[in-house]
Amino acid sequence: MPGYGDSPAAEMMASAQDRVAFLDHVLQELGMQRPVLVSPSMSGRFALPFLLARGDRLAGFVPIAPVGTKDYTAEQYQQVQTPTLILYGDRDTRLGPQALQSLRHLPKHRVAVMPDAGHACYLDKPEDFHWALLGFLRQLK
């Protein structure tokens, strides 16, 4: 993601609209139509505004304890019709439950809590994570 890790600074991604446009451009360049967007942690700054603005372009959404969930209202989340699998590890006592408080307002959501996993539940329990993800993907149309 721009501005994180070893990637260049992201001055051009200051607003949510900029991040939506960036993610939209990436998906277009990759030729992706109706992808499932998997969004762990910091990627929530990109994925959440995209979900709210262009959720109809997604076949599904998988937030994994994303940051930024409190930036939006229950009413905004209630407008989204994208099927969603909310995932987090039960040892993530901060971001996971915090994200759930906001994301539970998405009308078409289900929740999977990974036992004995922390914030990066997909690294702590990769098999459990993949089973939950594959189960969700199978139920999408």
N, C-alpha and C. Protein backbone atom coordinates (compact mmCIF):
# COMPACT_ATOMS: atom_id res chain seq x y z
N MET A 1 0.83 -1.18 0.00
CA MET A 1 0.00 0.00 0.00
C MET A 1 0.88 1.24 0.00
N PRO A 2 0.48 2.23 -0.74
CA PRO A 2 1.25 3.48 -0.76
C PRO A 2 1.38 4.07 0.64
N GLY A 3 2.61 4.42 0.99
CA GLY A 3 2.86 5.06 2.27
C GLY A 3 3.14 4.10 3.41
N TYR A 4 3.14 2.80 3.16
CA TYR A 4 3.38 1.81 4.21
C TYR A 4 4.55 0.92 3.81
N GLY A 5 5.24 0.40 4.81
CA GLY A 5 6.37 -0.48 4.54
C GLY A 5 7.44 0.24 3.74
N ASP A 6 7.92 -0.41 2.70
CA ASP A 6 8.97 0.15 1.86
C ASP A 6 8.43 0.90 0.64
N SER A 7 7.12 1.09 0.57
CA SER A 7 6.55 1.80 -0.59
C SER A 7 6.79 3.30 -0.47
N PRO A 8 6.73 4.00 -1.60
CA PRO A 8 6.93 5.46 -1.56
C PRO A 8 5.85 6.16 -0.74
N ALA A 9 6.15 7.35 -0.30
CA ALA A 9 5.19 8.15 0.47
C ALA A 9 3.91 8.34 -0.32
N ALA A 10 2.83 8.60 0.40
CA ALA A 10 1.51 8.65 -0.23
C ALA A 10 0.85 10.02 -0.07
N GLU A 11 1.58 11.08 -0.35
CA GLU A 11 0.99 12.41 -0.19
C GLU A 11 -0.25 12.58 -1.06
N MET A 12 -0.27 11.90 -2.22
CA MET A 12 -1.40 12.04 -3.14
C MET A 12 -2.61 11.23 -2.68
N MET A 13 -2.51 10.52 -1.55
CA MET A 13 -3.60 9.68 -1.06
C MET A 13 -4.16 10.22 0.25
N ALA A 14 -4.16 11.51 0.42
CA ALA A 14 -4.53 12.12 1.69
C ALA A 14 -6.01 11.94 2.01
N SER A 15 -6.88 12.00 1.03
CA SER A 15 -8.32 11.92 1.31
C SER A 15 -8.87 10.53 0.99
N ALA A 16 -10.01 10.24 1.57
CA ALA A 16 -10.69 8.97 1.29
C ALA A 16 -11.00 8.86 -0.20
N GLN A 17 -11.39 9.96 -0.83
CA GLN A 17 -11.69 9.94 -2.26
C GLN A 17 -10.46 9.57 -3.08
N ASP A 18 -9.29 10.07 -2.66
CA ASP A 18 -8.04 9.72 -3.34
C ASP A 18 -7.76 8.22 -3.23
N ARG A 19 -8.00 7.67 -2.05
CA ARG A 19 -7.75 6.24 -1.84
C ARG A 19 -8.75 5.39 -2.61
N VAL A 20 -10.00 5.84 -2.71
CA VAL A 20 -10.99 5.12 -3.53
C VAL A 20 -10.55 5.13 -4.99
N ALA A 21 -10.14 6.29 -5.49
CA ALA A 21 -9.70 6.40 -6.88
C ALA A 21 -8.48 5.52 -7.13
N PHE A 22 -7.54 5.48 -6.18
CA PHE A 22 -6.35 4.64 -6.33
C PHE A 22 -6.74 3.17 -6.44
N LEU A 23 -7.55 2.70 -5.50
CA LEU A 23 -7.95 1.29 -5.50
C LEU A 23 -8.78 0.96 -6.74
N ASP A 24 -9.63 1.87 -7.16
CA ASP A 24 -10.40 1.69 -8.38
C ASP A 24 -9.47 1.54 -9.58
N HIS A 25 -8.44 2.37 -9.64
CA HIS A 25 -7.46 2.31 -10.72
C HIS A 25 -6.71 0.98 -10.71
N VAL A 26 -6.30 0.53 -9.55
CA VAL A 26 -5.59 -0.76 -9.44
C VAL A 26 -6.48 -1.89 -9.96
N LEU A 27 -7.72 -1.93 -9.53
CA LEU A 27 -8.63 -2.99 -9.97
C LEU A 27 -8.87 -2.94 -11.48
N GLN A 28 -8.99 -1.73 -12.03
CA GLN A 28 -9.16 -1.58 -13.47
C GLN A 28 -7.93 -2.05 -14.22
N GLU A 29 -6.74 -1.66 -13.75
CA GLU A 29 -5.50 -2.06 -14.40
C GLU A 29 -5.32 -3.58 -14.38
N LEU A 30 -5.80 -4.21 -13.32
CA LEU A 30 -5.71 -5.67 -13.22
C LEU A 30 -6.84 -6.37 -13.98
N GLY A 31 -7.78 -5.59 -14.48
CA GLY A 31 -8.91 -6.16 -15.22
C GLY A 31 -9.86 -6.94 -14.33
N MET A 32 -9.93 -6.58 -13.08
CA MET A 32 -10.77 -7.31 -12.13
C MET A 32 -12.19 -6.77 -12.14
N GLN A 33 -13.12 -7.67 -12.34
CA GLN A 33 -14.53 -7.32 -12.29
C GLN A 33 -15.17 -8.10 -11.16
N ARG A 34 -15.76 -7.39 -10.25
CA ARG A 34 -16.44 -7.97 -9.09
C ARG A 34 -15.53 -8.88 -8.26
N PRO A 35 -14.37 -8.36 -7.84
CA PRO A 35 -13.48 -9.15 -6.99
C PRO A 35 -14.00 -9.24 -5.56
N VAL A 36 -13.42 -10.12 -4.80
CA VAL A 36 -13.61 -10.15 -3.36
C VAL A 36 -12.41 -9.41 -2.78
N LEU A 37 -12.67 -8.37 -2.03
CA LEU A 37 -11.62 -7.54 -1.47
C LEU A 37 -11.31 -8.01 -0.05
N VAL A 38 -10.08 -8.48 0.16
CA VAL A 38 -9.62 -8.92 1.47
C VAL A 38 -8.79 -7.79 2.06
N SER A 39 -9.17 -7.34 3.25
CA SER A 39 -8.58 -6.12 3.80
C SER A 39 -8.10 -6.30 5.24
N PRO A 40 -6.82 -6.68 5.42
CA PRO A 40 -6.30 -6.75 6.78
C PRO A 40 -5.76 -5.40 7.27
N SER A 41 -6.02 -5.11 8.50
CA SER A 41 -5.40 -4.04 9.26
C SER A 41 -5.35 -2.68 8.55
N MET A 42 -4.13 -2.20 8.24
CA MET A 42 -3.96 -0.85 7.69
C MET A 42 -4.63 -0.67 6.33
N SER A 43 -4.87 -1.73 5.61
CA SER A 43 -5.53 -1.60 4.31
C SER A 43 -6.97 -1.11 4.45
N GLY A 44 -7.49 -1.12 5.67
CA GLY A 44 -8.82 -0.58 5.90
C GLY A 44 -8.95 0.88 5.47
N ARG A 45 -7.86 1.62 5.53
CA ARG A 45 -7.88 3.03 5.09
C ARG A 45 -8.21 3.15 3.60
N PHE A 46 -7.94 2.11 2.83
CA PHE A 46 -8.26 2.08 1.41
C PHE A 46 -9.57 1.33 1.16
N ALA A 47 -9.70 0.18 1.80
CA ALA A 47 -10.83 -0.71 1.52
C ALA A 47 -12.17 -0.18 2.02
N LEU A 48 -12.19 0.41 3.21
CA LEU A 48 -13.47 0.87 3.76
C LEU A 48 -14.10 1.99 2.94
N PRO A 49 -13.35 3.04 2.57
CA PRO A 49 -13.99 4.05 1.73
C PRO A 49 -14.40 3.49 0.37
N PHE A 50 -13.63 2.53 -0.16
CA PHE A 50 -14.00 1.90 -1.43
C PHE A 50 -15.30 1.11 -1.26
N LEU A 51 -15.41 0.36 -0.19
CA LEU A 51 -16.63 -0.40 0.09
C LEU A 51 -17.84 0.51 0.15
N LEU A 52 -17.71 1.63 0.86
CA LEU A 52 -18.84 2.54 1.01
C LEU A 52 -19.19 3.27 -0.27
N ALA A 53 -18.19 3.57 -1.09
CA ALA A 53 -18.44 4.32 -2.33
C ALA A 53 -18.75 3.41 -3.52
N ARG A 54 -18.12 2.23 -3.56
CA ARG A 54 -18.22 1.38 -4.75
C ARG A 54 -18.44 -0.09 -4.39
N GLY A 55 -19.06 -0.34 -3.28
CA GLY A 55 -19.30 -1.71 -2.83
C GLY A 55 -20.05 -2.55 -3.84
N ASP A 56 -20.83 -1.90 -4.70
CA ASP A 56 -21.58 -2.63 -5.74
C ASP A 56 -20.63 -3.25 -6.77
N ARG A 57 -19.38 -2.82 -6.81
CA ARG A 57 -18.39 -3.39 -7.74
C ARG A 57 -17.70 -4.61 -7.17
N LEU A 58 -18.01 -4.94 -5.90
CA LEU A 58 -17.38 -6.07 -5.24
C LEU A 58 -18.33 -7.25 -5.12
N ALA A 59 -17.80 -8.45 -5.32
CA ALA A 59 -18.59 -9.66 -5.08
C ALA A 59 -18.64 -9.97 -3.59
N GLY A 60 -17.62 -9.52 -2.86
CA GLY A 60 -17.57 -9.75 -1.43
C GLY A 60 -16.49 -8.92 -0.79
N PHE A 61 -16.55 -8.85 0.53
CA PHE A 61 -15.59 -8.06 1.31
C PHE A 61 -15.20 -8.86 2.54
N VAL A 62 -13.89 -8.93 2.81
CA VAL A 62 -13.38 -9.68 3.96
C VAL A 62 -12.46 -8.76 4.77
N PRO A 63 -13.02 -8.01 5.72
CA PRO A 63 -12.19 -7.18 6.59
C PRO A 63 -11.61 -8.03 7.72
N ILE A 64 -10.30 -7.87 7.95
CA ILE A 64 -9.62 -8.60 9.02
C ILE A 64 -9.08 -7.56 9.99
N ALA A 65 -9.88 -7.24 10.99
CA ALA A 65 -9.53 -6.23 11.99
C ALA A 65 -8.95 -4.98 11.33
N PRO A 66 -9.70 -4.37 10.40
CA PRO A 66 -9.17 -3.20 9.70
C PRO A 66 -9.19 -1.95 10.55
N VAL A 67 -8.27 -1.04 10.27
CA VAL A 67 -8.30 0.27 10.92
C VAL A 67 -9.29 1.16 10.19
N GLY A 68 -9.75 2.18 10.87
CA GLY A 68 -10.60 3.18 10.25
C GLY A 68 -12.08 2.92 10.31
N THR A 69 -12.50 1.87 10.98
CA THR A 69 -13.94 1.55 10.99
C THR A 69 -14.77 2.60 11.72
N LYS A 70 -14.16 3.28 12.71
CA LYS A 70 -14.91 4.29 13.46
C LYS A 70 -15.07 5.59 12.69
N ASP A 71 -14.46 5.68 11.51
CA ASP A 71 -14.57 6.90 10.70
C ASP A 71 -15.93 7.03 10.01
N TYR A 72 -16.74 5.98 10.08
CA TYR A 72 -18.01 5.95 9.37
C TYR A 72 -19.15 5.63 10.34
N THR A 73 -20.35 6.02 9.96
CA THR A 73 -21.51 5.85 10.82
C THR A 73 -22.23 4.53 10.56
N ALA A 74 -23.05 4.14 11.52
CA ALA A 74 -23.87 2.94 11.34
C ALA A 74 -24.74 3.08 10.10
N GLU A 75 -25.25 4.27 9.87
CA GLU A 75 -26.12 4.51 8.71
C GLU A 75 -25.36 4.30 7.40
N GLN A 76 -24.10 4.74 7.36
CA GLN A 76 -23.31 4.52 6.15
C GLN A 76 -23.10 3.03 5.90
N TYR A 77 -22.77 2.30 6.95
CA TYR A 77 -22.57 0.86 6.80
C TYR A 77 -23.86 0.16 6.38
N GLN A 78 -24.98 0.61 6.90
CA GLN A 78 -26.26 -0.04 6.59
C GLN A 78 -26.65 0.08 5.13
N GLN A 79 -26.06 1.01 4.40
CA GLN A 79 -26.35 1.19 2.98
C GLN A 79 -25.64 0.18 2.09
N VAL A 80 -24.63 -0.48 2.62
CA VAL A 80 -23.80 -1.40 1.83
C VAL A 80 -24.48 -2.76 1.71
N GLN A 81 -24.58 -3.26 0.51
CA GLN A 81 -25.22 -4.56 0.26
C GLN A 81 -24.21 -5.64 -0.14
N THR A 82 -22.95 -5.39 0.05
CA THR A 82 -21.90 -6.34 -0.31
C THR A 82 -21.80 -7.44 0.76
N PRO A 83 -21.88 -8.71 0.35
CA PRO A 83 -21.68 -9.79 1.33
C PRO A 83 -20.30 -9.64 1.99
N THR A 84 -20.29 -9.79 3.32
CA THR A 84 -19.07 -9.51 4.09
C THR A 84 -18.81 -10.61 5.10
N LEU A 85 -17.54 -11.02 5.18
CA LEU A 85 -17.08 -11.93 6.22
C LEU A 85 -16.13 -11.14 7.11
N ILE A 86 -16.57 -10.84 8.34
CA ILE A 86 -15.75 -10.11 9.30
C ILE A 86 -14.90 -11.13 10.04
N LEU A 87 -13.59 -10.99 9.95
CA LEU A 87 -12.65 -11.94 10.55
C LEU A 87 -11.72 -11.25 11.54
N TYR A 88 -11.42 -11.93 12.63
CA TYR A 88 -10.37 -11.47 13.54
C TYR A 88 -10.01 -12.60 14.50
N GLY A 89 -8.83 -12.48 15.10
CA GLY A 89 -8.38 -13.46 16.07
C GLY A 89 -8.88 -13.12 17.46
N ASP A 90 -9.17 -14.15 18.24
CA ASP A 90 -9.71 -13.89 19.58
C ASP A 90 -8.68 -13.29 20.54
N ARG A 91 -7.40 -13.35 20.19
CA ARG A 91 -6.37 -12.71 21.02
C ARG A 91 -6.13 -11.25 20.60
N ASP A 92 -6.81 -10.83 19.54
CA ASP A 92 -6.76 -9.41 19.14
C ASP A 92 -7.86 -8.71 19.94
N THR A 93 -7.50 -8.26 21.11
CA THR A 93 -8.51 -7.70 22.02
C THR A 93 -8.81 -6.23 21.77
N ARG A 94 -8.10 -5.61 20.83
CA ARG A 94 -8.31 -4.19 20.57
C ARG A 94 -8.97 -3.96 19.22
N LEU A 95 -8.24 -4.16 18.14
CA LEU A 95 -8.76 -3.81 16.82
C LEU A 95 -9.87 -4.74 16.35
N GLY A 96 -9.76 -6.03 16.60
CA GLY A 96 -10.80 -6.97 16.16
C GLY A 96 -12.18 -6.62 16.69
N PRO A 97 -12.35 -6.58 18.02
CA PRO A 97 -13.66 -6.23 18.58
C PRO A 97 -14.10 -4.80 18.23
N GLN A 98 -13.13 -3.88 18.16
CA GLN A 98 -13.46 -2.49 17.79
C GLN A 98 -14.04 -2.44 16.38
N ALA A 99 -13.41 -3.15 15.45
CA ALA A 99 -13.91 -3.17 14.08
C ALA A 99 -15.29 -3.82 14.03
N LEU A 100 -15.48 -4.88 14.78
CA LEU A 100 -16.77 -5.56 14.80
C LEU A 100 -17.89 -4.63 15.24
N GLN A 101 -17.61 -3.76 16.21
CA GLN A 101 -18.63 -2.83 16.69
C GLN A 101 -19.20 -1.99 15.55
N SER A 102 -18.37 -1.58 14.62
CA SER A 102 -18.83 -0.78 13.48
C SER A 102 -19.34 -1.66 12.35
N LEU A 103 -18.58 -2.68 12.01
CA LEU A 103 -18.90 -3.49 10.83
C LEU A 103 -20.15 -4.35 11.01
N ARG A 104 -20.56 -4.56 12.24
CA ARG A 104 -21.78 -5.37 12.46
C ARG A 104 -23.02 -4.69 11.88
N HIS A 105 -22.90 -3.42 11.51
CA HIS A 105 -24.02 -2.70 10.90
C HIS A 105 -24.17 -3.01 9.41
N LEU A 106 -23.19 -3.70 8.83
CA LEU A 106 -23.32 -4.12 7.43
C LEU A 106 -24.43 -5.17 7.36
N PRO A 107 -25.43 -4.97 6.52
CA PRO A 107 -26.58 -5.87 6.52
C PRO A 107 -26.27 -7.32 6.13
N LYS A 108 -25.32 -7.53 5.27
CA LYS A 108 -25.06 -8.88 4.76
C LYS A 108 -23.72 -9.41 5.29
N HIS A 109 -23.59 -9.43 6.61
CA HIS A 109 -22.32 -9.87 7.18
C HIS A 109 -22.47 -11.16 7.97
N ARG A 110 -21.34 -11.83 8.09
CA ARG A 110 -21.20 -12.91 9.06
C ARG A 110 -19.84 -12.72 9.71
N VAL A 111 -19.65 -13.36 10.86
CA VAL A 111 -18.44 -13.16 11.64
C VAL A 111 -17.74 -14.50 11.85
N ALA A 112 -16.42 -14.50 11.72
CA ALA A 112 -15.61 -15.66 12.06
C ALA A 112 -14.49 -15.18 12.97
N VAL A 113 -14.43 -15.75 14.16
CA VAL A 113 -13.39 -15.42 15.11
C VAL A 113 -12.43 -16.61 15.15
N MET A 114 -11.16 -16.34 14.87
CA MET A 114 -10.14 -17.39 14.85
C MET A 114 -9.64 -17.63 16.27
N PRO A 115 -9.86 -18.85 16.81
CA PRO A 115 -9.38 -19.13 18.17
C PRO A 115 -7.85 -19.17 18.22
N ASP A 116 -7.33 -18.71 19.34
CA ASP A 116 -5.88 -18.71 19.60
C ASP A 116 -5.08 -17.96 18.53
N ALA A 117 -5.67 -16.92 17.97
CA ALA A 117 -4.99 -16.11 16.95
C ALA A 117 -5.01 -14.65 17.37
N GLY A 118 -3.96 -13.93 16.99
CA GLY A 118 -3.86 -12.52 17.31
C GLY A 118 -4.35 -11.65 16.17
N HIS A 119 -3.83 -10.44 16.11
CA HIS A 119 -4.25 -9.46 15.11
C HIS A 119 -4.06 -9.99 13.68
N ALA A 120 -2.92 -10.61 13.41
CA ALA A 120 -2.68 -11.19 12.08
C ALA A 120 -3.13 -12.65 12.10
N CYS A 121 -4.41 -12.86 12.26
CA CYS A 121 -4.95 -14.22 12.42
C CYS A 121 -4.63 -15.12 11.23
N TYR A 122 -4.49 -14.54 10.06
CA TYR A 122 -4.15 -15.30 8.85
C TYR A 122 -2.74 -15.86 8.92
N LEU A 123 -1.87 -15.25 9.73
CA LEU A 123 -0.51 -15.77 9.93
C LEU A 123 -0.48 -16.75 11.11
N ASP A 124 -1.23 -16.44 12.16
CA ASP A 124 -1.24 -17.28 13.35
C ASP A 124 -1.94 -18.61 13.10
N LYS A 125 -3.03 -18.58 12.36
CA LYS A 125 -3.84 -19.78 12.11
C LYS A 125 -4.20 -19.85 10.63
N PRO A 126 -3.21 -20.05 9.76
CA PRO A 126 -3.48 -19.98 8.32
C PRO A 126 -4.50 -21.01 7.83
N GLU A 127 -4.48 -22.19 8.38
CA GLU A 127 -5.44 -23.21 7.92
C GLU A 127 -6.86 -22.82 8.29
N ASP A 128 -7.07 -22.40 9.54
CA ASP A 128 -8.40 -21.95 9.97
C ASP A 128 -8.86 -20.75 9.14
N PHE A 129 -7.93 -19.83 8.90
CA PHE A 129 -8.25 -18.65 8.10
C PHE A 129 -8.69 -19.06 6.69
N HIS A 130 -7.94 -19.95 6.06
CA HIS A 130 -8.29 -20.36 4.70
C HIS A 130 -9.60 -21.12 4.65
N TRP A 131 -9.89 -21.94 5.64
CA TRP A 131 -11.18 -22.64 5.66
C TRP A 131 -12.33 -21.64 5.77
N ALA A 132 -12.19 -20.63 6.64
CA ALA A 132 -13.24 -19.61 6.78
C ALA A 132 -13.40 -18.83 5.48
N LEU A 133 -12.29 -18.44 4.88
CA LEU A 133 -12.34 -17.68 3.63
C LEU A 133 -12.96 -18.51 2.50
N LEU A 134 -12.52 -19.76 2.36
CA LEU A 134 -13.07 -20.61 1.29
C LEU A 134 -14.56 -20.86 1.49
N GLY A 135 -14.98 -21.05 2.74
CA GLY A 135 -16.41 -21.23 3.01
C GLY A 135 -17.22 -20.01 2.58
N PHE A 136 -16.70 -18.84 2.86
CA PHE A 136 -17.36 -17.61 2.46
C PHE A 136 -17.41 -17.49 0.93
N LEU A 137 -16.28 -17.74 0.29
CA LEU A 137 -16.22 -17.63 -1.17
C LEU A 137 -17.19 -18.60 -1.85
N ARG A 138 -17.33 -19.78 -1.29
CA ARG A 138 -18.25 -20.78 -1.89
C ARG A 138 -19.70 -20.33 -1.83
N GLN A 139 -20.06 -19.57 -0.84
CA GLN A 139 -21.47 -19.16 -0.71
C GLN A 139 -21.80 -17.92 -1.54
N LEU A 140 -20.78 -17.29 -2.13
CA LEU A 140 -21.04 -16.13 -3.00
C LEU A 140 -21.57 -16.60 -4.34
N LYS A 141 -22.37 -15.78 -4.97
CA LYS A 141 -22.91 -16.11 -6.29
C LYS A 141 -21.92 -15.75 -7.37
